[in-house]
Amino acid sequence: MSGDPDGGDTSVERLTPVVRRLILLRHGQTEYNAASRMQGQLDTELSELGVQQAKSAAGALAEKRPILIRSSDLRRARDTAEALARATGLSVDTDVRLRETHLGSWQGMTHLEVDDAMPGARARWRDDATWAPPGGESRTDVAARAVPVVDELVEALGDWGSGESPVVLVAHGGVIAALTAALLDLPVQRWPVLGGLANTSWVQLSGHALPGQAPRWRLDVWNASAEAADAAIQ
């Protein structure tokens, strides 16, 4: 049995895992969302409903006392993140790697317009994480640029995991699904099991690791919302 110089056993302390909480929040509604129009990396703004959704989500997530907020630089995500910043007193830094999937020639088209132009293509896109729209990115492409954001935060934030407070990344549905699948190390053919996220819904993951080791991520919550949190309290 190992111990410290005073005779106390330190093995338990050394083997205590670090648990890092990570929340991935989707932006509020935009007019493109309401019209079933493909946004991709087009820089759209929140609708009036989206602004209210952002405030509601901010109220719920502020109670978790996040230690850091990072956002996609696209306005719909950044404005959603700023609502949380106002509720917590934190600032927001942005990262282009959290942008939505680039949808190539589909950007700006409605779902029906894409279906007319390329019958069956949207279904293939949903079912195959390696397939990309013409001129765009696949989900595996998106994960390749987004995962390093989390890895770098693990390295940089020495206090992440010292309590229950999460890091919050504010991004987009496609990025969040790809990032979650990659962090969970799901086989690529199983990535489509993660369904769509509603506006201002979030994902929570926990990264478990012994000190000095890379975390193994577990899925705690998928598609949570402020409305669901309020219902649970009542």
C-alpha atoms as a PDB file:
ATOM      1  CA  MET A   1       0.000   0.000   0.000  1.00  0.00           C
ATOM      2  CA  SER A   2       1.422   3.388  -0.915  1.00  0.00           C
ATOM      3  CA  GLY A   3       1.201   6.337   1.388  1.00  0.00           C
ATOM      4  CA  ASP A   4       2.420   9.832   2.167  1.00  0.00           C
ATOM      5  CA  PRO A   5       5.343  10.624   4.492  1.00  0.00           C
ATOM      6  CA  ASP A   6       2.932  10.952   7.417  1.00  0.00           C
ATOM      7  CA  GLY A   7       1.627   7.460   6.906  1.00  0.00           C
ATOM      8  CA  GLY A   8      -1.643   8.410   5.185  1.00  0.00           C
ATOM      9  CA  ASP A   9      -2.799   6.476   2.122  1.00  0.00           C
ATOM     10  CA  THR A  10      -2.802   8.761  -0.946  1.00  0.00           C
ATOM     11  CA  SER A  11      -3.732   6.084  -3.512  1.00  0.00           C
ATOM     12  CA  VAL A  12      -7.433   6.955  -3.356  1.00  0.00           C
ATOM     13  CA  GLU A  13      -6.690  10.616  -4.025  1.00  0.00           C
ATOM     14  CA  ARG A  14      -4.455   9.775  -6.983  1.00  0.00           C
ATOM     15  CA  LEU A  15      -7.098   7.529  -8.520  1.00  0.00           C
ATOM     16  CA  THR A  16     -10.013   9.928  -8.125  1.00  0.00           C
ATOM     17  CA  PRO A  17     -11.297  10.659 -11.647  1.00  0.00           C
ATOM     18  CA  VAL A  18     -11.756  14.139 -13.026  1.00  0.00           C
ATOM     19  CA  VAL A  19     -15.230  14.687 -14.500  1.00  0.00           C
ATOM     20  CA  ARG A  20     -15.601  17.559 -16.956  1.00  0.00           C
ATOM     21  CA  ARG A  21     -19.127  18.709 -17.834  1.00  0.00           C
ATOM     22  CA  LEU A  22     -19.627  19.955 -21.397  1.00  0.00           C
ATOM     23  CA  ILE A  23     -22.828  21.552 -22.704  1.00  0.00           C
ATOM     24  CA  LEU A  24     -23.404  22.051 -26.441  1.00  0.00           C
ATOM     25  CA  LEU A  25     -26.202  24.573 -27.001  1.00  0.00           C
ATOM     26  CA  ARG A  26     -27.904  25.096 -30.337  1.00  0.00           C
ATOM     27  CA  HIS A  27     -28.786  28.649 -31.362  1.00  0.00           C
ATOM     28  CA  GLY A  28     -32.304  30.089 -31.305  1.00  0.00           C
ATOM     29  CA  GLN A  29     -34.727  30.066 -34.210  1.00  0.00           C
ATOM     30  CA  THR A  30     -34.043  32.070 -37.357  1.00  0.00           C
ATOM     31  CA  GLU A  31     -36.400  32.933 -40.199  1.00  0.00           C
ATOM     32  CA  TYR A  32     -34.534  30.327 -42.259  1.00  0.00           C
ATOM     33  CA  ASN A  33     -35.382  27.686 -39.653  1.00  0.00           C
ATOM     34  CA  ALA A  34     -39.025  28.734 -39.707  1.00  0.00           C
ATOM     35  CA  ALA A  35     -39.125  28.458 -43.513  1.00  0.00           C
ATOM     36  CA  SER A  36     -37.253  25.105 -43.682  1.00  0.00           C
ATOM     37  CA  ARG A  37     -34.463  26.805 -45.605  1.00  0.00           C
ATOM     38  CA  MET A  38     -30.882  25.495 -45.569  1.00  0.00           C
ATOM     39  CA  GLN A  39     -28.568  27.933 -43.765  1.00  0.00           C
ATOM     40  CA  GLY A  40     -25.201  26.254 -43.528  1.00  0.00           C
ATOM     41  CA  GLN A  41     -22.650  29.024 -43.052  1.00  0.00           C
ATOM     42  CA  LEU A  42     -24.925  31.846 -44.224  1.00  0.00           C
ATOM     43  CA  ASP A  43     -24.852  34.470 -41.463  1.00  0.00           C
ATOM     44  CA  THR A  44     -28.531  34.706 -40.520  1.00  0.00           C
ATOM     45  CA  GLU A  45     -30.025  36.450 -37.492  1.00  0.00           C
ATOM     46  CA  LEU A  46     -32.331  35.237 -34.741  1.00  0.00           C
ATOM     47  CA  SER A  47     -36.037  35.725 -35.274  1.00  0.00           C
ATOM     48  CA  GLU A  48     -38.149  37.373 -32.566  1.00  0.00           C
ATOM     49  CA  LEU A  49     -38.996  33.903 -31.296  1.00  0.00           C
ATOM     50  CA  GLY A  50     -35.313  32.974 -31.410  1.00  0.00           C
ATOM     51  CA  VAL A  51     -34.428  35.928 -29.183  1.00  0.00           C
ATOM     52  CA  GLN A  52     -36.994  34.778 -26.620  1.00  0.00           C
ATOM     53  CA  GLN A  53     -35.743  31.199 -26.844  1.00  0.00           C
ATOM     54  CA  ALA A  54     -32.199  32.384 -26.180  1.00  0.00           C
ATOM     55  CA  LYS A  55     -33.305  34.255 -23.049  1.00  0.00           C
ATOM     56  CA  SER A  56     -35.182  31.197 -21.781  1.00  0.00           C
ATOM     57  CA  ALA A  57     -32.247  28.867 -22.354  1.00  0.00           C
ATOM     58  CA  ALA A  58     -29.902  31.381 -20.728  1.00  0.00           C
ATOM     59  CA  GLY A  59     -32.003  31.399 -17.582  1.00  0.00           C
ATOM     60  CA  ALA A  60     -31.897  27.619 -17.324  1.00  0.00           C
ATOM     61  CA  LEU A  61     -28.206  27.222 -18.100  1.00  0.00           C
ATOM     62  CA  ALA A  62     -27.078  30.091 -15.876  1.00  0.00           C
ATOM     63  CA  GLU A  63     -28.186  27.966 -12.918  1.00  0.00           C
ATOM     64  CA  LYS A  64     -25.449  25.484 -13.850  1.00  0.00           C
ATOM     65  CA  ARG A  65     -22.815  28.221 -13.304  1.00  0.00           C
ATOM     66  CA  PRO A  66     -20.726  27.708 -16.432  1.00  0.00           C
ATOM     67  CA  ILE A  67     -17.033  28.526 -16.254  1.00  0.00           C
ATOM     68  CA  LEU A  68     -16.617  29.464 -19.908  1.00  0.00           C
ATOM     69  CA  ILE A  69     -18.779  30.286 -22.946  1.00  0.00           C
ATOM     70  CA  ARG A  70     -17.429  29.802 -26.447  1.00  0.00           C
ATOM     71  CA  SER A  71     -19.487  30.303 -29.600  1.00  0.00           C
ATOM     72  CA  SER A  72     -19.513  29.946 -33.329  1.00  0.00           C
ATOM     73  CA  ASP A  73     -18.837  33.347 -34.851  1.00  0.00           C
ATOM     74  CA  LEU A  74     -22.070  33.242 -36.883  1.00  0.00           C
ATOM     75  CA  ARG A  75     -24.562  35.772 -35.536  1.00  0.00           C
ATOM     76  CA  ARG A  76     -27.352  33.380 -34.646  1.00  0.00           C
ATOM     77  CA  ALA A  77     -25.028  31.428 -32.357  1.00  0.00           C
ATOM     78  CA  ARG A  78     -23.132  34.427 -31.040  1.00  0.00           C
ATOM     79  CA  ASP A  79     -26.333  36.271 -30.098  1.00  0.00           C
ATOM     80  CA  THR A  80     -27.611  33.146 -28.325  1.00  0.00           C
ATOM     81  CA  ALA A  81     -24.318  32.951 -26.438  1.00  0.00           C
ATOM     82  CA  GLU A  82     -24.502  36.632 -25.504  1.00  0.00           C
ATOM     83  CA  ALA A  83     -27.869  36.015 -23.834  1.00  0.00           C
ATOM     84  CA  LEU A  84     -26.180  33.430 -21.618  1.00  0.00           C
ATOM     85  CA  ALA A  85     -23.266  35.790 -21.005  1.00  0.00           C
ATOM     86  CA  ARG A  86     -25.660  38.462 -19.745  1.00  0.00           C
ATOM     87  CA  ALA A  87     -27.283  35.955 -17.401  1.00  0.00           C
ATOM     88  CA  THR A  88     -23.961  34.757 -15.978  1.00  0.00           C
ATOM     89  CA  GLY A  89     -21.662  37.760 -16.091  1.00  0.00           C
ATOM     90  CA  LEU A  90     -19.230  35.878 -18.312  1.00  0.00           C
ATOM     91  CA  SER A  91     -17.858  37.009 -21.650  1.00  0.00           C
ATOM     92  CA  VAL A  92     -18.102  35.163 -24.974  1.00  0.00           C
ATOM     93  CA  ASP A  93     -15.205  34.232 -27.185  1.00  0.00           C
ATOM     94  CA  THR A  94     -15.819  32.925 -30.688  1.00  0.00           C
ATOM     95  CA  ASP A  95     -14.236  30.193 -32.775  1.00  0.00           C
ATOM     96  CA  VAL A  96     -14.793  29.717 -36.506  1.00  0.00           C
ATOM     97  CA  ARG A  97     -14.340  25.958 -36.053  1.00  0.00           C
ATOM     98  CA  LEU A  98     -17.773  25.875 -34.388  1.00  0.00           C
ATOM     99  CA  ARG A  99     -19.527  27.158 -37.512  1.00  0.00           C
ATOM    100  CA  GLU A 100     -22.320  25.118 -39.012  1.00  0.00           C
ATOM    101  CA  THR A 101     -21.657  22.578 -41.759  1.00  0.00           C
ATOM    102  CA  HIS A 102     -20.931  24.280 -45.061  1.00  0.00           C
ATOM    103  CA  LEU A 103     -23.758  23.082 -47.287  1.00  0.00           C
ATOM    104  CA  GLY A 104     -22.205  24.094 -50.596  1.00  0.00           C
ATOM    105  CA  SER A 105     -24.731  24.705 -53.349  1.00  0.00           C
ATOM    106  CA  TRP A 106     -27.618  23.874 -50.999  1.00  0.00           C
ATOM    107  CA  GLN A 107     -27.138  26.992 -48.896  1.00  0.00           C
ATOM    108  CA  GLY A 108     -30.142  29.288 -49.192  1.00  0.00           C
ATOM    109  CA  MET A 109     -32.384  26.613 -50.740  1.00  0.00           C
ATOM    110  CA  THR A 110     -35.508  25.236 -49.084  1.00  0.00           C
ATOM    111  CA  HIS A 111     -35.747  21.528 -48.328  1.00  0.00           C
ATOM    112  CA  LEU A 112     -38.242  21.141 -51.176  1.00  0.00           C
ATOM    113  CA  GLU A 113     -35.943  22.932 -53.616  1.00  0.00           C
ATOM    114  CA  VAL A 114     -33.091  20.583 -52.719  1.00  0.00           C
ATOM    115  CA  ASP A 115     -35.388  17.575 -53.104  1.00  0.00           C
ATOM    116  CA  ASP A 116     -36.495  18.765 -56.532  1.00  0.00           C
ATOM    117  CA  ALA A 117     -32.934  19.410 -57.681  1.00  0.00           C
ATOM    118  CA  MET A 118     -31.381  16.253 -56.197  1.00  0.00           C
ATOM    119  CA  PRO A 119     -34.041  13.638 -55.362  1.00  0.00           C
ATOM    120  CA  GLY A 120     -32.945  11.415 -52.490  1.00  0.00           C
ATOM    121  CA  ALA A 121     -29.824  13.447 -51.714  1.00  0.00           C
ATOM    122  CA  ARG A 122     -30.999  14.809 -48.370  1.00  0.00           C
ATOM    123  CA  ALA A 123     -31.833  11.285 -47.203  1.00  0.00           C
ATOM    124  CA  ARG A 124     -28.366  10.120 -48.219  1.00  0.00           C
ATOM    125  CA  TRP A 125     -26.839  13.107 -46.415  1.00  0.00           C
ATOM    126  CA  ARG A 126     -28.714  12.215 -43.221  1.00  0.00           C
ATOM    127  CA  ASP A 127     -27.789   8.533 -43.394  1.00  0.00           C
ATOM    128  CA  ASP A 128     -24.122   8.762 -44.399  1.00  0.00           C
ATOM    129  CA  ALA A 129     -21.838  10.924 -42.246  1.00  0.00           C
ATOM    130  CA  THR A 130     -19.098  10.770 -44.885  1.00  0.00           C
ATOM    131  CA  TRP A 131     -21.258  12.203 -47.702  1.00  0.00           C
ATOM    132  CA  ALA A 132     -21.214  15.943 -48.437  1.00  0.00           C
ATOM    133  CA  PRO A 133     -23.547  18.197 -50.441  1.00  0.00           C
ATOM    134  CA  PRO A 134     -22.001  19.505 -53.691  1.00  0.00           C
ATOM    135  CA  GLY A 135     -19.255  21.931 -52.715  1.00  0.00           C
ATOM    136  CA  GLY A 136     -19.888  21.394 -48.998  1.00  0.00           C
ATOM    137  CA  GLU A 137     -18.722  19.449 -45.953  1.00  0.00           C
ATOM    138  CA  SER A 138     -19.585  16.019 -44.596  1.00  0.00           C
ATOM    139  CA  ARG A 139     -20.248  15.450 -40.898  1.00  0.00           C
ATOM    140  CA  THR A 140     -16.863  13.782 -40.580  1.00  0.00           C
ATOM    141  CA  ASP A 141     -15.290  16.930 -42.059  1.00  0.00           C
ATOM    142  CA  VAL A 142     -17.113  19.015 -39.471  1.00  0.00           C
ATOM    143  CA  ALA A 143     -16.034  16.782 -36.606  1.00  0.00           C
ATOM    144  CA  ALA A 144     -12.406  16.972 -37.719  1.00  0.00           C
ATOM    145  CA  ARG A 145     -12.416  20.761 -37.233  1.00  0.00           C
ATOM    146  CA  ALA A 146     -14.618  20.866 -34.109  1.00  0.00           C
ATOM    147  CA  VAL A 147     -13.092  18.161 -31.898  1.00  0.00           C
ATOM    148  CA  PRO A 148      -9.803  20.089 -31.463  1.00  0.00           C
ATOM    149  CA  VAL A 149     -11.792  22.920 -29.854  1.00  0.00           C
ATOM    150  CA  VAL A 150     -12.699  20.576 -26.989  1.00  0.00           C
ATOM    151  CA  ASP A 151      -9.256  18.975 -26.830  1.00  0.00           C
ATOM    152  CA  GLU A 152      -7.629  22.394 -26.504  1.00  0.00           C
ATOM    153  CA  LEU A 153     -10.005  23.399 -23.705  1.00  0.00           C
ATOM    154  CA  VAL A 154      -9.170  20.212 -21.806  1.00  0.00           C
ATOM    155  CA  GLU A 155      -5.498  21.185 -22.002  1.00  0.00           C
ATOM    156  CA  ALA A 156      -6.009  24.871 -21.196  1.00  0.00           C
ATOM    157  CA  LEU A 157      -8.551  24.806 -18.362  1.00  0.00           C
ATOM    158  CA  GLY A 158      -6.872  23.432 -15.279  1.00  0.00           C
ATOM    159  CA  ASP A 159      -9.941  24.012 -13.108  1.00  0.00           C
ATOM    160  CA  TRP A 160     -12.377  22.275 -15.475  1.00  0.00           C
ATOM    161  CA  GLY A 161     -13.541  19.230 -13.579  1.00  0.00           C
ATOM    162  CA  SER A 162     -12.940  20.584 -10.098  1.00  0.00           C
ATOM    163  CA  GLY A 163     -16.709  20.910  -9.676  1.00  0.00           C
ATOM    164  CA  GLU A 164     -19.980  20.466 -11.540  1.00  0.00           C
ATOM    165  CA  SER A 165     -19.761  23.735 -13.494  1.00  0.00           C
ATOM    166  CA  PRO A 166     -19.709  23.159 -17.263  1.00  0.00           C
ATOM    167  CA  VAL A 167     -18.028  24.638 -20.273  1.00  0.00           C
ATOM    168  CA  VAL A 168     -20.731  25.777 -22.730  1.00  0.00           C
ATOM    169  CA  LEU A 169     -20.185  25.753 -26.485  1.00  0.00           C
ATOM    170  CA  VAL A 170     -22.891  27.523 -28.500  1.00  0.00           C
ATOM    171  CA  ALA A 171     -23.123  26.259 -32.047  1.00  0.00           C
ATOM    172  CA  HIS A 172     -25.427  24.667 -34.631  1.00  0.00           C
ATOM    173  CA  GLY A 173     -27.352  21.432 -34.973  1.00  0.00           C
ATOM    174  CA  GLY A 174     -25.057  19.813 -37.515  1.00  0.00           C
ATOM    175  CA  VAL A 175     -21.863  20.727 -35.678  1.00  0.00           C
ATOM    176  CA  ILE A 176     -23.250  19.553 -32.347  1.00  0.00           C
ATOM    177  CA  ALA A 177     -24.353  16.182 -33.752  1.00  0.00           C
ATOM    178  CA  ALA A 178     -20.988  15.606 -35.443  1.00  0.00           C
ATOM    179  CA  LEU A 179     -18.987  16.738 -32.423  1.00  0.00           C
ATOM    180  CA  THR A 180     -21.037  14.573 -30.056  1.00  0.00           C
ATOM    181  CA  ALA A 181     -20.676  11.468 -32.223  1.00  0.00           C
ATOM    182  CA  ALA A 182     -16.927  11.980 -32.522  1.00  0.00           C
ATOM    183  CA  LEU A 183     -16.386  12.621 -28.802  1.00  0.00           C
ATOM    184  CA  LEU A 184     -18.368   9.468 -27.970  1.00  0.00           C
ATOM    185  CA  ASP A 185     -16.184   7.584 -30.469  1.00  0.00           C
ATOM    186  CA  LEU A 186     -19.227   6.144 -32.219  1.00  0.00           C
ATOM    187  CA  PRO A 187     -18.582   4.094 -35.367  1.00  0.00           C
ATOM    188  CA  VAL A 188     -19.135   6.457 -38.287  1.00  0.00           C
ATOM    189  CA  GLN A 189     -21.929   4.308 -39.680  1.00  0.00           C
ATOM    190  CA  ARG A 190     -23.814   4.848 -36.392  1.00  0.00           C
ATOM    191  CA  TRP A 191     -23.562   8.646 -36.336  1.00  0.00           C
ATOM    192  CA  PRO A 192     -27.104   9.060 -37.745  1.00  0.00           C
ATOM    193  CA  VAL A 193     -28.571   7.592 -34.517  1.00  0.00           C
ATOM    194  CA  LEU A 194     -28.233  11.077 -33.036  1.00  0.00           C
ATOM    195  CA  GLY A 195     -31.361  12.873 -34.175  1.00  0.00           C
ATOM    196  CA  GLY A 196     -31.982  16.550 -34.734  1.00  0.00           C
ATOM    197  CA  LEU A 197     -31.855  19.209 -32.034  1.00  0.00           C
ATOM    198  CA  ALA A 198     -34.584  21.775 -31.493  1.00  0.00           C
ATOM    199  CA  ASN A 199     -33.613  25.443 -31.379  1.00  0.00           C
ATOM    200  CA  THR A 200     -31.957  26.317 -28.034  1.00  0.00           C
ATOM    201  CA  SER A 201     -31.941  22.700 -26.963  1.00  0.00           C
ATOM    202  CA  TRP A 202     -28.684  21.348 -25.637  1.00  0.00           C
ATOM    203  CA  VAL A 203     -26.549  18.277 -25.198  1.00  0.00           C
ATOM    204  CA  GLN A 204     -24.617  17.479 -22.034  1.00  0.00           C
ATOM    205  CA  LEU A 205     -21.582  15.228 -21.990  1.00  0.00           C
ATOM    206  CA  SER A 206     -19.266  14.217 -19.166  1.00  0.00           C
ATOM    207  CA  GLY A 207     -15.587  13.574 -19.776  1.00  0.00           C
ATOM    208  CA  HIS A 208     -14.208  11.067 -17.251  1.00  0.00           C
ATOM    209  CA  ALA A 209     -10.462  10.711 -16.781  1.00  0.00           C
ATOM    210  CA  LEU A 210      -7.777  10.118 -14.218  1.00  0.00           C
ATOM    211  CA  PRO A 211      -5.609  13.198 -13.672  1.00  0.00           C
ATOM    212  CA  GLY A 212      -3.285  13.716 -16.610  1.00  0.00           C
ATOM    213  CA  GLN A 213      -5.238  11.429 -18.938  1.00  0.00           C
ATOM    214  CA  ALA A 214      -7.482  12.279 -21.883  1.00  0.00           C
ATOM    215  CA  PRO A 215     -11.193  12.129 -21.004  1.00  0.00           C
ATOM    216  CA  ARG A 216     -13.547   9.408 -22.144  1.00  0.00           C
ATOM    217  CA  TRP A 217     -16.812  11.138 -22.995  1.00  0.00           C
ATOM    218  CA  ARG A 218     -20.249   9.905 -21.961  1.00  0.00           C
ATOM    219  CA  LEU A 219     -23.627  11.235 -23.092  1.00  0.00           C
ATOM    220  CA  ASP A 220     -25.703  12.543 -20.183  1.00  0.00           C
ATOM    221  CA  VAL A 221     -28.472  14.450 -21.972  1.00  0.00           C
ATOM    222  CA  TRP A 222     -29.631  14.848 -25.570  1.00  0.00           C
ATOM    223  CA  ASN A 223     -32.081  17.524 -26.755  1.00  0.00           C
ATOM    224  CA  ALA A 224     -32.745  19.049 -23.335  1.00  0.00           C
ATOM    225  CA  SER A 225     -34.608  22.351 -23.203  1.00  0.00           C
ATOM    226  CA  ALA A 226     -35.523  25.110 -20.804  1.00  0.00           C
ATOM    227  CA  GLU A 227     -39.184  24.120 -21.185  1.00  0.00           C
ATOM    228  CA  ALA A 228     -38.428  20.558 -20.118  1.00  0.00           C
ATOM    229  CA  ALA A 229     -36.368  21.804 -17.179  1.00  0.00           C
ATOM    230  CA  ASP A 230     -39.241  24.033 -16.045  1.00  0.00           C
ATOM    231  CA  ALA A 231     -41.689  21.134 -16.302  1.00  0.00           C
ATOM    232  CA  ALA A 232     -39.438  18.927 -14.164  1.00  0.00           C
ATOM    233  CA  ILE A 233     -39.370  21.564 -11.418  1.00  0.00           C
ATOM    234  CA  GLN A 234     -43.157  21.982 -11.276  1.00  0.00           C
END
